[in-house]
Amino acid sequence: MARAWISGDRYLSPAMVCELVPGMTIDVLSARRRQRLSPPYYKPSGNTVLYRESEIHAWVDASRVETRER
């Protein structure tokens, strides 16, 4: 599977990111890459795209929306 880089951190394929983030699709990730938008990704070879799991979690965490208390 994915090779550990830092303890507890894995490289994920686009399909694995889609499994991790509800509602995410491979097409959306591809469009975000073309537009150079987050999440950051790695291209170790021509057709291989990888994401670091910790960076996916940080990207989702950064999208937090504050709500008001009632």
N, C-alpha and C. Protein backbone atom coordinates (compact mmCIF):
# COMPACT_ATOMS: atom_id res chain seq x y z
N MET A 1 0.84 -1.18 0.00
CA MET A 1 0.00 0.00 0.00
C MET A 1 0.88 1.24 0.00
N ALA A 2 0.48 2.29 0.71
CA ALA A 2 1.24 3.54 0.73
C ALA A 2 2.45 3.40 1.65
N ARG A 3 3.54 4.00 1.26
CA ARG A 3 4.79 3.93 2.03
C ARG A 3 4.81 5.05 3.07
N ALA A 4 5.18 4.73 4.29
CA ALA A 4 5.26 5.73 5.35
C ALA A 4 6.42 6.67 5.11
N TRP A 5 6.21 7.94 5.26
CA TRP A 5 7.26 8.94 5.13
C TRP A 5 7.66 9.41 6.52
N ILE A 6 6.70 9.85 7.26
CA ILE A 6 6.88 10.25 8.65
C ILE A 6 5.96 9.34 9.44
N SER A 7 6.34 9.00 10.63
CA SER A 7 5.53 8.09 11.43
C SER A 7 4.06 8.50 11.41
N GLY A 8 3.21 7.59 10.95
CA GLY A 8 1.78 7.86 10.90
C GLY A 8 1.34 8.62 9.67
N ASP A 9 2.25 8.95 8.76
CA ASP A 9 1.89 9.70 7.56
C ASP A 9 2.05 8.78 6.35
N ARG A 10 1.04 8.76 5.49
CA ARG A 10 1.08 7.89 4.31
C ARG A 10 0.86 8.72 3.06
N TYR A 11 1.31 8.19 1.94
CA TYR A 11 0.96 8.75 0.65
C TYR A 11 -0.33 8.10 0.20
N LEU A 12 -1.25 8.91 -0.33
CA LEU A 12 -2.55 8.43 -0.76
C LEU A 12 -2.74 8.69 -2.25
N SER A 13 -3.38 7.77 -2.92
CA SER A 13 -3.77 7.98 -4.32
C SER A 13 -5.00 8.89 -4.33
N PRO A 14 -5.34 9.47 -5.49
CA PRO A 14 -6.57 10.25 -5.56
C PRO A 14 -7.80 9.45 -5.11
N ALA A 15 -7.88 8.18 -5.47
CA ALA A 15 -9.01 7.36 -5.05
C ALA A 15 -9.07 7.22 -3.54
N MET A 16 -7.91 7.11 -2.89
CA MET A 16 -7.86 6.99 -1.43
C MET A 16 -8.30 8.29 -0.78
N VAL A 17 -7.94 9.43 -1.38
CA VAL A 17 -8.39 10.73 -0.86
C VAL A 17 -9.91 10.81 -0.93
N CYS A 18 -10.48 10.33 -2.04
CA CYS A 18 -11.94 10.35 -2.19
C CYS A 18 -12.63 9.48 -1.14
N GLU A 19 -12.01 8.40 -0.74
CA GLU A 19 -12.56 7.56 0.32
C GLU A 19 -12.48 8.26 1.67
N LEU A 20 -11.46 9.07 1.86
CA LEU A 20 -11.22 9.75 3.13
C LEU A 20 -12.10 10.99 3.30
N VAL A 21 -12.37 11.70 2.21
CA VAL A 21 -13.12 12.96 2.27
C VAL A 21 -14.49 12.75 1.64
N PRO A 22 -15.55 12.73 2.44
CA PRO A 22 -16.89 12.51 1.90
C PRO A 22 -17.24 13.55 0.84
N GLY A 23 -17.80 13.09 -0.27
CA GLY A 23 -18.22 13.98 -1.33
C GLY A 23 -17.13 14.35 -2.34
N MET A 24 -15.88 14.04 -2.03
CA MET A 24 -14.78 14.35 -2.94
C MET A 24 -14.79 13.36 -4.09
N THR A 25 -14.49 13.85 -5.31
CA THR A 25 -14.42 12.98 -6.47
C THR A 25 -13.05 13.12 -7.14
N ILE A 26 -12.69 12.13 -7.92
CA ILE A 26 -11.43 12.19 -8.65
C ILE A 26 -11.45 13.36 -9.62
N ASP A 27 -12.62 13.64 -10.23
CA ASP A 27 -12.72 14.78 -11.16
C ASP A 27 -12.47 16.11 -10.45
N VAL A 28 -13.01 16.27 -9.25
CA VAL A 28 -12.78 17.50 -8.50
C VAL A 28 -11.30 17.65 -8.15
N LEU A 29 -10.68 16.58 -7.68
CA LEU A 29 -9.25 16.64 -7.37
C LEU A 29 -8.43 16.99 -8.61
N SER A 30 -8.77 16.39 -9.73
CA SER A 30 -8.07 16.67 -10.98
C SER A 30 -8.21 18.14 -11.38
N ALA A 31 -9.42 18.68 -11.27
CA ALA A 31 -9.65 20.09 -11.59
C ALA A 31 -8.86 20.99 -10.65
N ARG A 32 -8.81 20.65 -9.39
CA ARG A 32 -8.05 21.46 -8.42
C ARG A 32 -6.56 21.43 -8.75
N ARG A 33 -6.05 20.28 -9.19
CA ARG A 33 -4.63 20.21 -9.59
C ARG A 33 -4.37 21.10 -10.80
N ARG A 34 -5.25 21.05 -11.79
CA ARG A 34 -5.08 21.88 -13.00
C ARG A 34 -5.07 23.36 -12.65
N GLN A 35 -5.85 23.74 -11.63
CA GLN A 35 -5.94 25.15 -11.22
C GLN A 35 -4.89 25.51 -10.16
N ARG A 36 -4.06 24.53 -9.79
CA ARG A 36 -3.02 24.72 -8.75
C ARG A 36 -3.64 25.13 -7.42
N LEU A 37 -4.77 24.52 -7.06
CA LEU A 37 -5.44 24.77 -5.79
C LEU A 37 -5.11 23.65 -4.81
N SER A 38 -5.31 23.92 -3.52
CA SER A 38 -5.11 22.89 -2.50
C SER A 38 -6.05 21.73 -2.74
N PRO A 39 -5.72 20.58 -2.28
CA PRO A 39 -4.59 20.21 -1.43
C PRO A 39 -3.31 20.02 -2.25
N PRO A 40 -2.15 20.21 -1.59
CA PRO A 40 -0.89 19.98 -2.29
C PRO A 40 -0.76 18.51 -2.69
N TYR A 41 -0.01 18.28 -3.75
CA TYR A 41 0.16 16.91 -4.24
C TYR A 41 1.59 16.70 -4.72
N TYR A 42 1.91 15.44 -4.99
CA TYR A 42 3.25 15.04 -5.43
C TYR A 42 3.11 14.27 -6.72
N LYS A 43 4.06 14.45 -7.64
CA LYS A 43 4.08 13.73 -8.92
C LYS A 43 5.45 13.09 -9.10
N PRO A 44 5.68 11.92 -8.48
CA PRO A 44 6.98 11.28 -8.59
C PRO A 44 7.30 10.75 -9.98
N SER A 45 6.26 10.54 -10.80
CA SER A 45 6.47 10.14 -12.19
C SER A 45 5.32 10.69 -13.02
N GLY A 46 5.44 10.60 -14.32
CA GLY A 46 4.50 11.21 -15.25
C GLY A 46 3.02 11.12 -14.91
N ASN A 47 2.52 9.93 -14.66
CA ASN A 47 1.09 9.75 -14.43
C ASN A 47 0.72 9.47 -12.98
N THR A 48 1.70 9.45 -12.10
CA THR A 48 1.45 9.13 -10.70
C THR A 48 1.21 10.41 -9.91
N VAL A 49 0.07 10.46 -9.24
CA VAL A 49 -0.27 11.58 -8.37
C VAL A 49 -0.49 11.03 -6.97
N LEU A 50 0.16 11.65 -6.00
CA LEU A 50 0.04 11.23 -4.60
C LEU A 50 -0.24 12.43 -3.72
N TYR A 51 -0.93 12.17 -2.63
CA TYR A 51 -1.21 13.18 -1.62
C TYR A 51 -0.70 12.65 -0.29
N ARG A 52 -0.20 13.53 0.56
CA ARG A 52 0.23 13.11 1.89
C ARG A 52 -0.99 13.18 2.81
N GLU A 53 -1.24 12.12 3.54
CA GLU A 53 -2.44 12.03 4.38
C GLU A 53 -2.53 13.19 5.37
N SER A 54 -1.43 13.55 6.00
CA SER A 54 -1.46 14.65 6.97
C SER A 54 -1.84 15.98 6.31
N GLU A 55 -1.45 16.15 5.04
CA GLU A 55 -1.80 17.39 4.33
C GLU A 55 -3.28 17.41 3.94
N ILE A 56 -3.86 16.24 3.70
CA ILE A 56 -5.30 16.17 3.43
C ILE A 56 -6.07 16.54 4.70
N HIS A 57 -5.63 16.00 5.84
CA HIS A 57 -6.29 16.34 7.10
C HIS A 57 -6.16 17.84 7.39
N ALA A 58 -4.99 18.42 7.16
CA ALA A 58 -4.78 19.85 7.39
C ALA A 58 -5.66 20.68 6.45
N TRP A 59 -5.79 20.25 5.21
CA TRP A 59 -6.63 20.95 4.24
C TRP A 59 -8.10 20.95 4.69
N VAL A 60 -8.58 19.80 5.13
CA VAL A 60 -9.96 19.71 5.62
C VAL A 60 -10.11 20.56 6.88
N ASP A 61 -9.16 20.48 7.80
CA ASP A 61 -9.21 21.29 9.03
C ASP A 61 -9.26 22.78 8.73
N ALA A 62 -8.53 23.21 7.70
CA ALA A 62 -8.49 24.64 7.33
C ALA A 62 -9.81 25.13 6.75
N SER A 63 -10.69 24.20 6.37
CA SER A 63 -11.97 24.61 5.78
C SER A 63 -13.08 24.76 6.83
N ARG A 64 -12.70 24.70 8.08
CA ARG A 64 -13.68 24.80 9.17
C ARG A 64 -14.45 26.12 9.08
N VAL A 65 -15.74 26.04 9.29
CA VAL A 65 -16.62 27.21 9.29
C VAL A 65 -17.07 27.45 10.72
N GLU A 66 -16.79 28.63 11.23
CA GLU A 66 -17.22 28.98 12.58
C GLU A 66 -18.73 29.24 12.59
N THR A 67 -19.37 28.83 13.65
CA THR A 67 -20.81 29.06 13.80
C THR A 67 -21.05 29.90 15.04
N ARG A 68 -22.23 30.47 15.10
CA ARG A 68 -22.60 31.29 16.26
C ARG A 68 -23.32 30.41 17.29
N GLU A 69 -23.11 30.74 18.55
CA GLU A 69 -23.84 30.06 19.62
C GLU A 69 -25.23 30.66 19.69
N ARG A 70 -26.21 29.83 20.01
CA ARG A 70 -27.58 30.34 20.16
C ARG A 70 -27.93 30.43 21.61
